[in-house]
């Protein structure tokens, strides 16, 4: 993988993470990218996650190689308020 690995810890408060996810433009590749952020969500308030970052892992759950719909469902099913997010930029 080419790019910079970024590890971010976020704590979810009353607002959700606020990430919008999308798959790869190349339909033969399974990957998950940040395509938007809700301005009141924790990710936008933190400011370190950027649109276009590839999501690799959340709380030890690997989403690399998954479709964005599966990744979104997996993230929503995680319990707790702390998120450890690994990204590729």
PDB file of N, CA and C in Angstrom:
ATOM      1  N   UNK A   1       0.842  -1.182   0.000  1.00  0.00           N
ATOM      2  CA  UNK A   1       0.000   0.000   0.000  1.00  0.00           C
ATOM      3  C   UNK A   1       0.885   1.242   0.000  1.00  0.00           C
ATOM      4  N   UNK A   2       0.519   2.161  -0.819  1.00  0.00           N
ATOM      5  CA  UNK A   2       1.251   3.422  -0.862  1.00  0.00           C
ATOM      6  C   UNK A   2       0.439   4.475  -0.123  1.00  0.00           C
ATOM      7  N   UNK A   3       1.131   5.319   0.607  1.00  0.00           N
ATOM      8  CA  UNK A   3       0.464   6.385   1.332  1.00  0.00           C
ATOM      9  C   UNK A   3       0.872   6.394   2.788  1.00  0.00           C
ATOM     10  N   UNK A   4       0.257   7.268   3.515  1.00  0.00           N
ATOM     11  CA  UNK A   4       0.553   7.456   4.932  1.00  0.00           C
ATOM     12  C   UNK A   4      -0.509   6.766   5.779  1.00  0.00           C
ATOM     13  N   UNK A   5      -0.068   5.926   6.717  1.00  0.00           N
ATOM     14  CA  UNK A   5      -0.994   5.306   7.664  1.00  0.00           C
ATOM     15  C   UNK A   5      -1.261   6.280   8.797  1.00  0.00           C
ATOM     16  N   UNK A   6      -2.513   6.426   9.151  1.00  0.00           N
ATOM     17  CA  UNK A   6      -2.912   7.359  10.200  1.00  0.00           C
ATOM     18  C   UNK A   6      -3.786   6.615  11.197  1.00  0.00           C
ATOM     19  N   UNK A   7      -3.424   6.685  12.470  1.00  0.00           N
ATOM     20  CA  UNK A   7      -4.203   6.064  13.540  1.00  0.00           C
ATOM     21  C   UNK A   7      -4.851   7.173  14.360  1.00  0.00           C
ATOM     22  N   UNK A   8      -6.159   7.105  14.480  1.00  0.00           N
ATOM     23  CA  UNK A   8      -6.919   8.143  15.168  1.00  0.00           C
ATOM     24  C   UNK A   8      -7.797   7.500  16.228  1.00  0.00           C
ATOM     25  N   UNK A   9      -7.792   8.075  17.412  1.00  0.00           N
ATOM     26  CA  UNK A   9      -8.696   7.653  18.485  1.00  0.00           C
ATOM     27  C   UNK A   9      -9.759   8.730  18.653  1.00  0.00           C
ATOM     28  N   UNK A  10     -11.017   8.332  18.554  1.00  0.00           N
ATOM     29  CA  UNK A  10     -12.133   9.258  18.744  1.00  0.00           C
ATOM     30  C   UNK A  10     -13.052   8.731  19.831  1.00  0.00           C
ATOM     31  N   UNK A  11     -13.608   9.635  20.598  1.00  0.00           N
ATOM     32  CA  UNK A  11     -14.600   9.280  21.607  1.00  0.00           C
ATOM     33  C   UNK A  11     -15.930   9.852  21.150  1.00  0.00           C
ATOM     34  N   UNK A  12     -16.901   8.962  21.018  1.00  0.00           N
ATOM     35  CA  UNK A  12     -18.224   9.380  20.564  1.00  0.00           C
ATOM     36  C   UNK A  12     -18.991   9.956  21.738  1.00  0.00           C
ATOM     37  N   UNK A  13     -19.434  11.176  21.581  1.00  0.00           N
ATOM     38  CA  UNK A  13     -20.257  11.806  22.602  1.00  0.00           C
ATOM     39  C   UNK A  13     -21.719  11.647  22.231  1.00  0.00           C
ATOM     40  N   UNK A  14     -22.490  12.710  22.388  1.00  0.00           N
ATOM     41  CA  UNK A  14     -23.907  12.650  22.041  1.00  0.00           C
ATOM     42  C   UNK A  14     -24.099  12.607  20.523  1.00  0.00           C
ATOM     43  N   UNK A  15     -23.108  13.119  19.788  1.00  0.00           N
ATOM     44  CA  UNK A  15     -23.163  13.049  18.329  1.00  0.00           C
ATOM     45  C   UNK A  15     -22.492  11.768  17.855  1.00  0.00           C
ATOM     46  N   UNK A  16     -22.901  11.286  16.717  1.00  0.00           N
ATOM     47  CA  UNK A  16     -22.287  10.096  16.132  1.00  0.00           C
ATOM     48  C   UNK A  16     -20.964  10.484  15.480  1.00  0.00           C
ATOM     49  N   UNK A  17     -20.281   9.505  14.914  1.00  0.00           N
ATOM     50  CA  UNK A  17     -19.033   9.792  14.212  1.00  0.00           C
ATOM     51  C   UNK A  17     -19.270  10.730  13.040  1.00  0.00           C
ATOM     52  N   UNK A  18     -20.361  10.558  12.329  1.00  0.00           N
ATOM     53  CA  UNK A  18     -20.706  11.469  11.242  1.00  0.00           C
ATOM     54  C   UNK A  18     -19.933  11.226   9.966  1.00  0.00           C
ATOM     55  N   UNK A  19     -19.542   9.984   9.712  1.00  0.00           N
ATOM     56  CA  UNK A  19     -18.808   9.656   8.493  1.00  0.00           C
ATOM     57  C   UNK A  19     -19.746   9.103   7.435  1.00  0.00           C
ATOM     58  N   UNK A  20     -19.554   9.538   6.199  1.00  0.00           N
ATOM     59  CA  UNK A  20     -20.222   8.938   5.052  1.00  0.00           C
ATOM     60  C   UNK A  20     -19.169   8.147   4.300  1.00  0.00           C
ATOM     61  N   UNK A  21     -19.512   6.912   3.947  1.00  0.00           N
ATOM     62  CA  UNK A  21     -18.557   6.024   3.305  1.00  0.00           C
ATOM     63  C   UNK A  21     -18.996   5.698   1.889  1.00  0.00           C
ATOM     64  N   UNK A  22     -18.010   5.435   1.035  1.00  0.00           N
ATOM     65  CA  UNK A  22     -18.275   5.041  -0.348  1.00  0.00           C
ATOM     66  C   UNK A  22     -17.279   3.971  -0.748  1.00  0.00           C
ATOM     67  N   UNK A  23     -17.645   3.212  -1.765  1.00  0.00           N
ATOM     68  CA  UNK A  23     -16.752   2.192  -2.287  1.00  0.00           C
ATOM     69  C   UNK A  23     -15.814   2.770  -3.336  1.00  0.00           C
ATOM     70  N   UNK A  24     -14.981   1.915  -3.874  1.00  0.00           N
ATOM     71  CA  UNK A  24     -14.013   2.308  -4.892  1.00  0.00           C
ATOM     72  C   UNK A  24     -14.723   2.572  -6.218  1.00  0.00           C
ATOM     73  N   UNK A  25     -14.232   3.549  -6.990  1.00  0.00           N
ATOM     74  CA  UNK A  25     -14.792   3.811  -8.314  1.00  0.00           C
ATOM     75  C   UNK A  25     -14.600   2.606  -9.225  1.00  0.00           C
ATOM     76  N   UNK A  26     -13.495   1.904  -9.027  1.00  0.00           N
ATOM     77  CA  UNK A  26     -13.211   0.687  -9.780  1.00  0.00           C
ATOM     78  C   UNK A  26     -13.971  -0.458  -9.123  1.00  0.00           C
ATOM     79  N   UNK A  27     -15.024  -0.913  -9.754  1.00  0.00           N
ATOM     80  CA  UNK A  27     -15.917  -1.910  -9.158  1.00  0.00           C
ATOM     81  C   UNK A  27     -15.249  -3.266  -8.913  1.00  0.00           C
ATOM     82  N   UNK A  28     -14.063  -3.475  -9.496  1.00  0.00           N
ATOM     83  CA  UNK A  28     -13.363  -4.745  -9.274  1.00  0.00           C
ATOM     84  C   UNK A  28     -12.555  -4.725  -7.986  1.00  0.00           C
ATOM     85  N   UNK A  29     -12.444  -3.556  -7.360  1.00  0.00           N
ATOM     86  CA  UNK A  29     -11.680  -3.425  -6.110  1.00  0.00           C
ATOM     87  C   UNK A  29     -12.628  -3.117  -4.963  1.00  0.00           C
ATOM     88  N   UNK A  30     -12.480  -3.866  -3.876  1.00  0.00           N
ATOM     89  CA  UNK A  30     -13.300  -3.643  -2.692  1.00  0.00           C
ATOM     90  C   UNK A  30     -12.499  -2.785  -1.717  1.00  0.00           C
ATOM     91  N   UNK A  31     -12.988  -1.613  -1.456  1.00  0.00           N
ATOM     92  CA  UNK A  31     -12.344  -0.724  -0.489  1.00  0.00           C
ATOM     93  C   UNK A  31     -13.370   0.287  -0.001  1.00  0.00           C
ATOM     94  N   UNK A  32     -13.028   0.940   1.100  1.00  0.00           N
ATOM     95  CA  UNK A  32     -13.961   1.858   1.757  1.00  0.00           C
ATOM     96  C   UNK A  32     -13.278   3.207   1.922  1.00  0.00           C
ATOM     97  N   UNK A  33     -13.905   4.251   1.413  1.00  0.00           N
ATOM     98  CA  UNK A  33     -13.352   5.597   1.487  1.00  0.00           C
ATOM     99  C   UNK A  33     -14.313   6.532   2.219  1.00  0.00           C
ATOM    100  N   UNK A  34     -13.754   7.534   2.872  1.00  0.00           N
ATOM    101  CA  UNK A  34     -14.555   8.597   3.478  1.00  0.00           C
ATOM    102  C   UNK A  34     -14.957   9.531   2.343  1.00  0.00           C
ATOM    103  N   UNK A  35     -16.266   9.694   2.134  1.00  0.00           N
ATOM    104  CA  UNK A  35     -16.740  10.568   1.052  1.00  0.00           C
ATOM    105  C   UNK A  35     -17.447  11.811   1.580  1.00  0.00           C
ATOM    106  N   UNK A  36     -17.667  11.863   2.888  1.00  0.00           N
ATOM    107  CA  UNK A  36     -18.309  13.024   3.464  1.00  0.00           C
ATOM    108  C   UNK A  36     -18.309  12.947   4.974  1.00  0.00           C
ATOM    109  N   UNK A  37     -18.534  14.094   5.598  1.00  0.00           N
ATOM    110  CA  UNK A  37     -18.583  14.157   7.060  1.00  0.00           C
ATOM    111  C   UNK A  37     -19.658  15.139   7.478  1.00  0.00           C
ATOM    112  N   UNK A  38     -20.437  14.739   8.465  1.00  0.00           N
ATOM    113  CA  UNK A  38     -21.444  15.636   9.021  1.00  0.00           C
ATOM    114  C   UNK A  38     -20.713  16.682   9.867  1.00  0.00           C
ATOM    115  N   UNK A  39     -21.000  17.958   9.652  1.00  0.00           N
ATOM    116  CA  UNK A  39     -20.261  19.011  10.370  1.00  0.00           C
ATOM    117  C   UNK A  39     -20.358  18.935  11.897  1.00  0.00           C
ATOM    118  N   UNK A  40     -21.426  18.329  12.415  1.00  0.00           N
ATOM    119  CA  UNK A  40     -21.571  18.223  13.869  1.00  0.00           C
ATOM    120  C   UNK A  40     -21.104  16.874  14.406  1.00  0.00           C
ATOM    121  N   UNK A  41     -20.636  15.996  13.513  1.00  0.00           N
ATOM    122  CA  UNK A  41     -20.154  14.682  13.931  1.00  0.00           C
ATOM    123  C   UNK A  41     -18.787  14.771  14.580  1.00  0.00           C
ATOM    124  N   UNK A  42     -18.417  13.726  15.292  1.00  0.00           N
ATOM    125  CA  UNK A  42     -17.149  13.711  16.021  1.00  0.00           C
ATOM    126  C   UNK A  42     -15.943  13.754  15.081  1.00  0.00           C
ATOM    127  N   UNK A  43     -16.035  13.104  13.929  1.00  0.00           N
ATOM    128  CA  UNK A  43     -14.910  13.084  12.990  1.00  0.00           C
ATOM    129  C   UNK A  43     -14.609  14.490  12.462  1.00  0.00           C
ATOM    130  N   UNK A  44     -15.646  15.221  12.093  1.00  0.00           N
ATOM    131  CA  UNK A  44     -15.444  16.580  11.574  1.00  0.00           C
ATOM    132  C   UNK A  44     -14.928  17.513  12.664  1.00  0.00           C
ATOM    133  N   UNK A  45     -15.464  17.384  13.859  1.00  0.00           N
ATOM    134  CA  UNK A  45     -15.006  18.229  14.967  1.00  0.00           C
ATOM    135  C   UNK A  45     -13.549  17.960  15.303  1.00  0.00           C
ATOM    136  N   UNK A  46     -13.126  16.696  15.202  1.00  0.00           N
ATOM    137  CA  UNK A  46     -11.740  16.334  15.475  1.00  0.00           C
ATOM    138  C   UNK A  46     -10.813  16.906  14.408  1.00  0.00           C
ATOM    139  N   UNK A  47     -11.202  16.820  13.152  1.00  0.00           N
ATOM    140  CA  UNK A  47     -10.466  17.452  12.068  1.00  0.00           C
ATOM    141  C   UNK A  47      -9.332  16.655  11.436  1.00  0.00           C
ATOM    142  N   UNK A  48      -9.024  15.483  11.939  1.00  0.00           N
ATOM    143  CA  UNK A  48      -7.894  14.734  11.374  1.00  0.00           C
ATOM    144  C   UNK A  48      -8.280  13.838  10.216  1.00  0.00           C
ATOM    145  N   UNK A  49      -9.517  13.398  10.143  1.00  0.00           N
ATOM    146  CA  UNK A  49      -9.977  12.558   9.040  1.00  0.00           C
ATOM    147  C   UNK A  49     -10.334  13.473   7.875  1.00  0.00           C
ATOM    148  N   UNK A  50      -9.898  13.081   6.678  1.00  0.00           N
ATOM    149  CA  UNK A  50     -10.141  13.878   5.475  1.00  0.00           C
ATOM    150  C   UNK A  50     -10.947  13.068   4.463  1.00  0.00           C
ATOM    151  N   UNK A  51     -11.730  13.764   3.668  1.00  0.00           N
ATOM    152  CA  UNK A  51     -12.448  13.119   2.582  1.00  0.00           C
ATOM    153  C   UNK A  51     -11.408  12.533   1.630  1.00  0.00           C
ATOM    154  N   UNK A  52     -11.622  11.285   1.249  1.00  0.00           N
ATOM    155  CA  UNK A  52     -10.682  10.585   0.383  1.00  0.00           C
ATOM    156  C   UNK A  52      -9.800   9.606   1.129  1.00  0.00           C
ATOM    157  N   UNK A  53      -9.772   9.688   2.466  1.00  0.00           N
ATOM    158  CA  UNK A  53      -9.002   8.719   3.254  1.00  0.00           C
ATOM    159  C   UNK A  53      -9.629   7.336   3.080  1.00  0.00           C
ATOM    160  N   UNK A  54      -8.772   6.323   2.988  1.00  0.00           N
ATOM    161  CA  UNK A  54      -9.267   4.949   2.901  1.00  0.00           C
ATOM    162  C   UNK A  54      -9.326   4.354   4.294  1.00  0.00           C
ATOM    163  N   UNK A  55     -10.447   3.796   4.645  1.00  0.00           N
ATOM    164  CA  UNK A  55     -10.663   3.189   5.955  1.00  0.00           C
ATOM    165  C   UNK A  55     -10.160   1.749   5.918  1.00  0.00           C
ATOM    166  N   UNK A  56      -9.246   1.422   6.836  1.00  0.00           N
ATOM    167  CA  UNK A  56      -8.663   0.089   6.871  1.00  0.00           C
ATOM    168  C   UNK A  56      -9.176  -0.748   8.029  1.00  0.00           C
ATOM    169  N   UNK A  57      -9.361  -0.111   9.191  1.00  0.00           N
ATOM    170  CA  UNK A  57      -9.706  -0.861  10.401  1.00  0.00           C
ATOM    171  C   UNK A  57     -10.382   0.063  11.403  1.00  0.00           C
ATOM    172  N   UNK A  58     -11.356  -0.478  12.134  1.00  0.00           N
ATOM    173  CA  UNK A  58     -12.015   0.247  13.218  1.00  0.00           C
ATOM    174  C   UNK A  58     -12.104  -0.691  14.416  1.00  0.00           C
ATOM    175  N   UNK A  59     -11.497  -0.286  15.514  1.00  0.00           N
ATOM    176  CA  UNK A  59     -11.495  -1.081  16.755  1.00  0.00           C
ATOM    177  C   UNK A  59     -11.057  -2.530  16.514  1.00  0.00           C
ATOM    178  N   UNK A  60     -10.059  -2.695  15.682  1.00  0.00           N
ATOM    179  CA  UNK A  60      -9.538  -4.023  15.419  1.00  0.00           C
ATOM    180  C   UNK A  60     -10.314  -4.818  14.385  1.00  0.00           C
ATOM    181  N   UNK A  61     -11.424  -4.282  13.907  1.00  0.00           N
ATOM    182  CA  UNK A  61     -12.223  -4.938  12.871  1.00  0.00           C
ATOM    183  C   UNK A  61     -11.718  -4.453  11.509  1.00  0.00           C
ATOM    184  N   UNK A  62     -11.213  -5.368  10.717  1.00  0.00           N
ATOM    185  CA  UNK A  62     -10.656  -5.020   9.410  1.00  0.00           C
ATOM    186  C   UNK A  62     -11.789  -4.789   8.415  1.00  0.00           C
ATOM    187  N   UNK A  63     -11.797  -3.599   7.810  1.00  0.00           N
ATOM    188  CA  UNK A  63     -12.775  -3.287   6.773  1.00  0.00           C
ATOM    189  C   UNK A  63     -12.101  -3.184   5.404  1.00  0.00           C
ATOM    190  N   UNK A  64     -10.783  -3.288   5.377  1.00  0.00           N
ATOM    191  CA  UNK A  64     -10.043  -3.317   4.117  1.00  0.00           C
ATOM    192  C   UNK A  64     -10.496  -4.534   3.307  1.00  0.00           C
ATOM    193  N   UNK A  65     -10.818  -4.321   2.049  1.00  0.00           N
ATOM    194  CA  UNK A  65     -11.263  -5.416   1.201  1.00  0.00           C
ATOM    195  C   UNK A  65     -12.750  -5.709   1.300  1.00  0.00           C
ATOM    196  N   UNK A  66     -13.480  -4.897   2.022  1.00  0.00           N
ATOM    197  CA  UNK A  66     -14.932  -5.065   2.167  1.00  0.00           C
ATOM    198  C   UNK A  66     -15.643  -3.984   1.347  1.00  0.00           C
ATOM    199  N   UNK A  67     -16.916  -4.206   1.081  1.00  0.00           N
ATOM    200  CA  UNK A  67     -17.698  -3.155   0.438  1.00  0.00           C
ATOM    201  C   UNK A  67     -18.112  -2.139   1.498  1.00  0.00           C
ATOM    202  N   UNK A  68     -18.389  -0.932   1.062  1.00  0.00           N
ATOM    203  CA  UNK A  68     -18.692   0.134   2.016  1.00  0.00           C
ATOM    204  C   UNK A  68     -19.970  -0.133   2.793  1.00  0.00           C
ATOM    205  N   UNK A  69     -20.915  -0.854   2.218  1.00  0.00           N
ATOM    206  CA  UNK A  69     -22.154  -1.156   2.943  1.00  0.00           C
ATOM    207  C   UNK A  69     -21.887  -2.116   4.097  1.00  0.00           C
ATOM    208  N   UNK A  70     -21.057  -3.127   3.847  1.00  0.00           N
ATOM    209  CA  UNK A  70     -20.688  -4.057   4.924  1.00  0.00           C
ATOM    210  C   UNK A  70     -19.888  -3.338   6.002  1.00  0.00           C
ATOM    211  N   UNK A  71     -18.964  -2.486   5.583  1.00  0.00           N
ATOM    212  CA  UNK A  71     -18.140  -1.753   6.549  1.00  0.00           C
ATOM    213  C   UNK A  71     -19.006  -0.852   7.418  1.00  0.00           C
ATOM    214  N   UNK A  72     -19.950  -0.168   6.816  1.00  0.00           N
ATOM    215  CA  UNK A  72     -20.838   0.721   7.563  1.00  0.00           C
ATOM    216  C   UNK A  72     -21.641  -0.052   8.601  1.00  0.00           C
ATOM    217  N   UNK A  73     -22.178  -1.197   8.204  1.00  0.00           N
ATOM    218  CA  UNK A  73     -22.952  -2.028   9.139  1.00  0.00           C
ATOM    219  C   UNK A  73     -22.068  -2.535  10.275  1.00  0.00           C
ATOM    220  N   UNK A  74     -20.837  -2.910   9.958  1.00  0.00           N
ATOM    221  CA  UNK A  74     -19.916  -3.399  10.983  1.00  0.00           C
ATOM    222  C   UNK A  74     -19.601  -2.301  11.996  1.00  0.00           C
ATOM    223  N   UNK A  75     -19.359  -1.099  11.504  1.00  0.00           N
ATOM    224  CA  UNK A  75     -19.025   0.020  12.390  1.00  0.00           C
ATOM    225  C   UNK A  75     -20.220   0.359  13.280  1.00  0.00           C
ATOM    226  N   UNK A  76     -21.409   0.381  12.712  1.00  0.00           N
ATOM    227  CA  UNK A  76     -22.610   0.698  13.493  1.00  0.00           C
ATOM    228  C   UNK A  76     -22.883  -0.342  14.571  1.00  0.00           C
ATOM    229  N   UNK A  77     -22.440  -1.574  14.340  1.00  0.00           N
ATOM    230  CA  UNK A  77     -22.699  -2.633  15.316  1.00  0.00           C
ATOM    231  C   UNK A  77     -21.698  -2.647  16.472  1.00  0.00           C
ATOM    232  N   UNK A  78     -20.630  -1.856  16.378  1.00  0.00           N
ATOM    233  CA  UNK A  78     -19.633  -1.823  17.449  1.00  0.00           C
ATOM    234  C   UNK A  78     -20.220  -1.174  18.696  1.00  0.00           C
ATOM    235  N   UNK A  79     -19.938  -1.764  19.843  1.00  0.00           N
ATOM    236  CA  UNK A  79     -20.426  -1.182  21.089  1.00  0.00           C
ATOM    237  C   UNK A  79     -19.339  -0.295  21.688  1.00  0.00           C
ATOM    238  N   UNK A  80     -19.729   0.542  22.583  1.00  0.00           N
ATOM    239  CA  UNK A  80     -18.775   1.423  23.249  1.00  0.00           C
ATOM    240  C   UNK A  80     -18.773   2.808  22.654  1.00  0.00           C
ATOM    241  N   UNK A  81     -17.969   3.664  23.256  1.00  0.00           N
ATOM    242  CA  UNK A  81     -17.925   5.058  22.823  1.00  0.00           C
ATOM    243  C   UNK A  81     -16.559   5.470  22.295  1.00  0.00           C
ATOM    244  N   UNK A  82     -15.610   4.560  22.323  1.00  0.00           N
ATOM    245  CA  UNK A  82     -14.271   4.871  21.861  1.00  0.00           C
ATOM    246  C   UNK A  82     -14.000   4.145  20.551  1.00  0.00           C
ATOM    247  N   UNK A  83     -13.449   4.871  19.573  1.00  0.00           N
ATOM    248  CA  UNK A  83     -13.159   4.298  18.269  1.00  0.00           C
ATOM    249  C   UNK A  83     -11.688   4.506  17.932  1.00  0.00           C
ATOM    250  N   UNK A  84     -11.024   3.415  17.598  1.00  0.00           N
ATOM    251  CA  UNK A  84      -9.637   3.444  17.145  1.00  0.00           C
ATOM    252  C   UNK A  84      -9.698   3.172  15.643  1.00  0.00           C
ATOM    253  N   UNK A  85      -9.369   4.194  14.840  1.00  0.00           N
ATOM    254  CA  UNK A  85      -9.566   4.143  13.396  1.00  0.00           C
ATOM    255  C   UNK A  85      -8.220   4.190  12.687  1.00  0.00           C
ATOM    256  N   UNK A  86      -7.988   3.224  11.804  1.00  0.00           N
ATOM    257  CA  UNK A  86      -6.774   3.186  10.997  1.00  0.00           C
ATOM    258  C   UNK A  86      -7.132   3.561   9.573  1.00  0.00           C
ATOM    259  N   UNK A  87      -6.447   4.583   9.048  1.00  0.00           N
ATOM    260  CA  UNK A  87      -6.725   5.121   7.723  1.00  0.00           C
ATOM    261  C   UNK A  87      -5.460   5.095   6.861  1.00  0.00           C
ATOM    262  N   UNK A  88      -5.675   5.131   5.556  1.00  0.00           N
ATOM    263  CA  UNK A  88      -4.583   5.296   4.607  1.00  0.00           C
ATOM    264  C   UNK A  88      -4.863   6.571   3.817  1.00  0.00           C
ATOM    265  N   UNK A  89      -3.885   7.467   3.805  1.00  0.00           N
ATOM    266  CA  UNK A  89      -4.062   8.727   3.074  1.00  0.00           C
ATOM    267  C   UNK A  89      -3.017   8.788   1.971  1.00  0.00           C
TER     268      UNK A  89
END
